[in-house]
Amino acid sequence: MTMDDLDFIHSMLSDPKTMRFYPSTYDRDGAKAWVQRNLERYESSGLGLWLVSDLKNGTPFGQVGVVQQTVEGRALLEVGYMIHRDFWRKGIAFEAAIACRDYAFETQNADAVHSLIRPVNIPSQGVARKLGMSPLPETIMFADLEHHLFHLERNEWEARD
């Protein structure tokens, strides 16, 4: 993702349906700050949300990536995904998230990967489960909102079919 992607990122983050599980949509300045945070993540850790686009024609679909998060005082690697609603139900989030999950284990040598997902976000929970993740029994508070913390341990990933 670069600042050249701001128009698309703004269209995604300002769309009420795409952002229905977030506290609010983002205006253009908020979208610009979102892109800037990811650029800073790339610089500091090499991780962040990456633009997902069509390899043939460059059409952007959304963003998926590996992000360092601090959850209840613990540093975790999160596989995060958001696809613009115009491209839902095409398997894009799952396909890109698999690559990110595997990148975290293979390249970042992660012991585990996680996804923070709101209890009402059933579609994202489905993606996490397809990735082999399962939720902890209790919900947690993250960014002042209730979330399920889905996780997949390295040994579970290594034992996959």
C-alpha atoms as a PDB file:
ATOM      1  CA  MET A   1       0.000   0.000   0.000  1.00  0.00           C
ATOM      2  CA  THR A   2       1.226   3.454  -0.860  1.00  0.00           C
ATOM      3  CA  MET A   3      -0.291   6.923  -0.780  1.00  0.00           C
ATOM      4  CA  ASP A   4      -1.130   6.314  -4.453  1.00  0.00           C
ATOM      5  CA  ASP A   5      -3.766   3.884  -3.135  1.00  0.00           C
ATOM      6  CA  LEU A   6      -5.500   6.541  -1.021  1.00  0.00           C
ATOM      7  CA  ASP A   7      -8.514   6.923  -3.322  1.00  0.00           C
ATOM      8  CA  PHE A   8      -9.288   3.203  -3.108  1.00  0.00           C
ATOM      9  CA  ILE A   9      -8.554   2.958   0.634  1.00  0.00           C
ATOM     10  CA  HIS A  10     -10.818   5.947   1.247  1.00  0.00           C
ATOM     11  CA  SER A  11     -13.604   4.409  -0.844  1.00  0.00           C
ATOM     12  CA  MET A  12     -13.340   1.223   1.227  1.00  0.00           C
ATOM     13  CA  LEU A  13     -13.020   2.869   4.658  1.00  0.00           C
ATOM     14  CA  SER A  14     -15.839   5.336   3.945  1.00  0.00           C
ATOM     15  CA  ASP A  15     -18.278   2.653   2.811  1.00  0.00           C
ATOM     16  CA  PRO A  16     -20.833   1.936   5.583  1.00  0.00           C
ATOM     17  CA  LYS A  17     -21.393  -1.686   4.521  1.00  0.00           C
ATOM     18  CA  THR A  18     -17.686  -2.513   4.351  1.00  0.00           C
ATOM     19  CA  MET A  19     -17.135  -0.833   7.735  1.00  0.00           C
ATOM     20  CA  ARG A  20     -20.233  -2.217   9.468  1.00  0.00           C
ATOM     21  CA  PHE A  21     -18.187  -3.953  12.175  1.00  0.00           C
ATOM     22  CA  TYR A  22     -16.020  -0.909  12.899  1.00  0.00           C
ATOM     23  CA  PRO A  23     -17.091   1.939  15.197  1.00  0.00           C
ATOM     24  CA  SER A  24     -17.368   4.342  12.267  1.00  0.00           C
ATOM     25  CA  THR A  25     -16.400   5.029   8.699  1.00  0.00           C
ATOM     26  CA  TYR A  26     -13.364   7.150   7.831  1.00  0.00           C
ATOM     27  CA  ASP A  27     -13.240  10.458   6.007  1.00  0.00           C
ATOM     28  CA  ARG A  28     -10.397  11.165   3.576  1.00  0.00           C
ATOM     29  CA  ASP A  29      -8.085  12.473   6.327  1.00  0.00           C
ATOM     30  CA  GLY A  30      -8.775   9.353   8.403  1.00  0.00           C
ATOM     31  CA  ALA A  31      -8.057   7.139   5.410  1.00  0.00           C
ATOM     32  CA  LYS A  32      -4.813   9.018   4.780  1.00  0.00           C
ATOM     33  CA  ALA A  33      -3.802   8.456   8.424  1.00  0.00           C
ATOM     34  CA  TRP A  34      -4.696   4.742   8.013  1.00  0.00           C
ATOM     35  CA  VAL A  35      -2.349   4.443   5.022  1.00  0.00           C
ATOM     36  CA  GLN A  36       0.347   6.415   6.864  1.00  0.00           C
ATOM     37  CA  ARG A  37       0.136   4.041   9.877  1.00  0.00           C
ATOM     38  CA  ASN A  38       0.723   1.120   7.559  1.00  0.00           C
ATOM     39  CA  LEU A  39       3.662   2.849   5.890  1.00  0.00           C
ATOM     40  CA  GLU A  40       5.140   3.366   9.366  1.00  0.00           C
ATOM     41  CA  ARG A  41       4.546  -0.312  10.185  1.00  0.00           C
ATOM     42  CA  TYR A  42       6.381  -1.330   7.012  1.00  0.00           C
ATOM     43  CA  GLU A  43       9.291   0.892   8.009  1.00  0.00           C
ATOM     44  CA  SER A  44       9.493  -0.265  11.628  1.00  0.00           C
ATOM     45  CA  SER A  45       8.782  -3.997  11.304  1.00  0.00           C
ATOM     46  CA  GLY A  46       8.325  -4.854   7.633  1.00  0.00           C
ATOM     47  CA  LEU A  47       4.772  -5.891   8.520  1.00  0.00           C
ATOM     48  CA  GLY A  48       1.385  -4.285   8.095  1.00  0.00           C
ATOM     49  CA  LEU A  49      -1.720  -4.474   5.983  1.00  0.00           C
ATOM     50  CA  TRP A  50      -0.847  -4.902   2.325  1.00  0.00           C
ATOM     51  CA  LEU A  51      -2.966  -3.948  -0.657  1.00  0.00           C
ATOM     52  CA  VAL A  52      -4.610  -6.943  -2.316  1.00  0.00           C
ATOM     53  CA  SER A  53      -5.127  -6.475  -6.034  1.00  0.00           C
ATOM     54  CA  ASP A  54      -5.782  -8.396  -9.215  1.00  0.00           C
ATOM     55  CA  LEU A  55      -2.470  -9.607 -10.625  1.00  0.00           C
ATOM     56  CA  LYS A  56      -3.748  -9.270 -14.193  1.00  0.00           C
ATOM     57  CA  ASN A  57      -5.081  -5.719 -14.202  1.00  0.00           C
ATOM     58  CA  GLY A  58      -4.121  -4.184 -10.840  1.00  0.00           C
ATOM     59  CA  THR A  59      -7.708  -3.660  -9.625  1.00  0.00           C
ATOM     60  CA  PRO A  60      -7.499  -3.275  -5.827  1.00  0.00           C
ATOM     61  CA  PHE A  61      -9.764  -5.551  -3.768  1.00  0.00           C
ATOM     62  CA  GLY A  62      -8.866  -4.671  -0.186  1.00  0.00           C
ATOM     63  CA  GLN A  63      -6.108  -5.105   2.340  1.00  0.00           C
ATOM     64  CA  VAL A  64      -4.749  -8.163   4.099  1.00  0.00           C
ATOM     65  CA  GLY A  65      -1.609  -8.542   6.134  1.00  0.00           C
ATOM     66  CA  VAL A  66       0.308  -9.433   9.244  1.00  0.00           C
ATOM     67  CA  VAL A  67       0.272  -6.785  11.953  1.00  0.00           C
ATOM     68  CA  GLN A  68       2.024  -6.643  15.307  1.00  0.00           C
ATOM     69  CA  GLN A  69      -0.595  -6.011  17.999  1.00  0.00           C
ATOM     70  CA  THR A  70      -0.410  -5.650  21.750  1.00  0.00           C
ATOM     71  CA  VAL A  71      -3.331  -7.497  23.292  1.00  0.00           C
ATOM     72  CA  GLU A  72      -3.738  -7.500  27.063  1.00  0.00           C
ATOM     73  CA  GLY A  73      -0.049  -6.702  27.421  1.00  0.00           C
ATOM     74  CA  ARG A  74       1.137  -9.460  25.061  1.00  0.00           C
ATOM     75  CA  ALA A  75       2.757  -8.893  21.676  1.00  0.00           C
ATOM     76  CA  LEU A  76       0.920 -10.934  19.041  1.00  0.00           C
ATOM     77  CA  LEU A  77       1.023 -11.325  15.286  1.00  0.00           C
ATOM     78  CA  GLU A  78      -2.399 -10.755  13.805  1.00  0.00           C
ATOM     79  CA  VAL A  79      -3.564 -11.860  10.395  1.00  0.00           C
ATOM     80  CA  GLY A  80      -5.962  -9.082   9.446  1.00  0.00           C
ATOM     81  CA  TYR A  81      -8.190  -8.746   6.418  1.00  0.00           C
ATOM     82  CA  MET A  82     -10.686  -6.297   4.960  1.00  0.00           C
ATOM     83  CA  ILE A  83     -12.087  -6.608   1.459  1.00  0.00           C
ATOM     84  CA  HIS A  84     -14.165  -3.868  -0.170  1.00  0.00           C
ATOM     85  CA  ARG A  85     -17.789  -5.009  -0.356  1.00  0.00           C
ATOM     86  CA  ASP A  86     -17.721  -4.866  -4.151  1.00  0.00           C
ATOM     87  CA  PHE A  87     -15.486  -7.971  -4.010  1.00  0.00           C
ATOM     88  CA  TRP A  88     -17.064  -9.993  -1.189  1.00  0.00           C
ATOM     89  CA  ARG A  89     -17.804 -13.703  -1.506  1.00  0.00           C
ATOM     90  CA  LYS A  90     -15.115 -14.402  -4.061  1.00  0.00           C
ATOM     91  CA  GLY A  91     -12.636 -16.075  -1.684  1.00  0.00           C
ATOM     92  CA  ILE A  92     -10.217 -13.145  -1.846  1.00  0.00           C
ATOM     93  CA  ALA A  93      -9.885 -12.634   1.925  1.00  0.00           C
ATOM     94  CA  PHE A  94      -9.290 -16.333   2.484  1.00  0.00           C
ATOM     95  CA  GLU A  95      -6.764 -16.702  -0.334  1.00  0.00           C
ATOM     96  CA  ALA A  96      -4.749 -13.677   0.764  1.00  0.00           C
ATOM     97  CA  ALA A  97      -5.039 -14.540   4.470  1.00  0.00           C
ATOM     98  CA  ILE A  98      -3.648 -18.051   3.866  1.00  0.00           C
ATOM     99  CA  ALA A  99      -0.579 -16.483   2.292  1.00  0.00           C
ATOM    100  CA  CYS A 100      -0.238 -14.113   5.263  1.00  0.00           C
ATOM    101  CA  ARG A 101      -0.724 -16.918   7.800  1.00  0.00           C
ATOM    102  CA  ASP A 102       1.975 -18.984   6.097  1.00  0.00           C
ATOM    103  CA  TYR A 103       4.249 -15.933   5.788  1.00  0.00           C
ATOM    104  CA  ALA A 104       3.979 -15.370   9.553  1.00  0.00           C
ATOM    105  CA  PHE A 105       5.020 -18.956  10.308  1.00  0.00           C
ATOM    106  CA  GLU A 106       7.577 -19.449   7.526  1.00  0.00           C
ATOM    107  CA  THR A 107       9.256 -16.044   7.324  1.00  0.00           C
ATOM    108  CA  GLN A 108       8.537 -14.427  10.692  1.00  0.00           C
ATOM    109  CA  ASN A 109       9.018 -17.721  12.589  1.00  0.00           C
ATOM    110  CA  ALA A 110       5.847 -17.043  14.577  1.00  0.00           C
ATOM    111  CA  ASP A 111       4.885 -19.352  17.432  1.00  0.00           C
ATOM    112  CA  ALA A 112       1.236 -18.514  16.763  1.00  0.00           C
ATOM    113  CA  VAL A 113      -0.965 -16.234  14.684  1.00  0.00           C
ATOM    114  CA  HIS A 114      -4.135 -14.503  15.779  1.00  0.00           C
ATOM    115  CA  SER A 115      -7.110 -12.601  14.435  1.00  0.00           C
ATOM    116  CA  LEU A 116      -9.113 -10.086  16.450  1.00  0.00           C
ATOM    117  CA  ILE A 117     -12.738 -10.323  15.356  1.00  0.00           C
ATOM    118  CA  ARG A 118     -15.866  -8.699  16.718  1.00  0.00           C
ATOM    119  CA  PRO A 119     -18.489 -11.218  17.937  1.00  0.00           C
ATOM    120  CA  VAL A 120     -21.015  -9.877  15.409  1.00  0.00           C
ATOM    121  CA  ASN A 121     -18.616 -10.318  12.472  1.00  0.00           C
ATOM    122  CA  ILE A 122     -19.648 -13.817  11.430  1.00  0.00           C
ATOM    123  CA  PRO A 123     -18.091 -13.625   7.911  1.00  0.00           C
ATOM    124  CA  SER A 124     -14.622 -12.843   9.312  1.00  0.00           C
ATOM    125  CA  GLN A 125     -14.997 -15.598  11.891  1.00  0.00           C
ATOM    126  CA  GLY A 126     -15.658 -17.984   9.003  1.00  0.00           C
ATOM    127  CA  VAL A 127     -12.436 -16.923   7.287  1.00  0.00           C
ATOM    128  CA  ALA A 128     -10.480 -17.389  10.533  1.00  0.00           C
ATOM    129  CA  ARG A 129     -11.908 -20.884  10.997  1.00  0.00           C
ATOM    130  CA  LYS A 130     -11.027 -21.812   7.393  1.00  0.00           C
ATOM    131  CA  LEU A 131      -7.477 -20.664   8.203  1.00  0.00           C
ATOM    132  CA  GLY A 132      -7.437 -23.260  10.990  1.00  0.00           C
ATOM    133  CA  MET A 133      -7.908 -20.750  13.806  1.00  0.00           C
ATOM    134  CA  SER A 134     -10.196 -21.208  16.776  1.00  0.00           C
ATOM    135  CA  PRO A 135     -11.443 -18.631  19.267  1.00  0.00           C
ATOM    136  CA  LEU A 136     -10.443 -18.485  22.895  1.00  0.00           C
ATOM    137  CA  PRO A 137     -13.455 -19.281  25.093  1.00  0.00           C
ATOM    138  CA  GLU A 138     -13.732 -15.768  26.533  1.00  0.00           C
ATOM    139  CA  THR A 139     -14.013 -12.483  24.706  1.00  0.00           C
ATOM    140  CA  ILE A 140     -11.504  -9.700  25.243  1.00  0.00           C
ATOM    141  CA  MET A 141     -11.575  -5.933  25.013  1.00  0.00           C
ATOM    142  CA  PHE A 142      -9.426  -4.453  22.257  1.00  0.00           C
ATOM    143  CA  ALA A 143      -9.602  -0.824  21.147  1.00  0.00           C
ATOM    144  CA  ASP A 144     -12.497  -0.394  23.593  1.00  0.00           C
ATOM    145  CA  LEU A 145     -14.575  -3.013  21.756  1.00  0.00           C
ATOM    146  CA  GLU A 146     -15.395  -6.629  22.544  1.00  0.00           C
ATOM    147  CA  HIS A 147     -13.528  -9.124  20.337  1.00  0.00           C
ATOM    148  CA  HIS A 148     -12.995 -12.832  19.955  1.00  0.00           C
ATOM    149  CA  LEU A 149      -9.309 -13.681  19.830  1.00  0.00           C
ATOM    150  CA  PHE A 150      -8.876 -16.412  17.250  1.00  0.00           C
ATOM    151  CA  HIS A 151      -5.541 -18.221  17.286  1.00  0.00           C
ATOM    152  CA  LEU A 152      -3.539 -20.916  15.565  1.00  0.00           C
ATOM    153  CA  GLU A 153      -0.448 -22.389  17.187  1.00  0.00           C
ATOM    154  CA  ARG A 154       2.603 -23.368  15.126  1.00  0.00           C
ATOM    155  CA  ASN A 155       2.229 -27.068  15.957  1.00  0.00           C
ATOM    156  CA  GLU A 156      -1.388 -26.990  14.707  1.00  0.00           C
ATOM    157  CA  TRP A 157      -0.260 -25.266  11.504  1.00  0.00           C
ATOM    158  CA  GLU A 158       2.515 -27.804  10.982  1.00  0.00           C
ATOM    159  CA  ALA A 159       0.043 -30.692  11.436  1.00  0.00           C
ATOM    160  CA  ARG A 160      -2.407 -29.384   8.817  1.00  0.00           C
ATOM    161  CA  ASP A 161      -3.352 -31.539   5.857  1.00  0.00           C
END
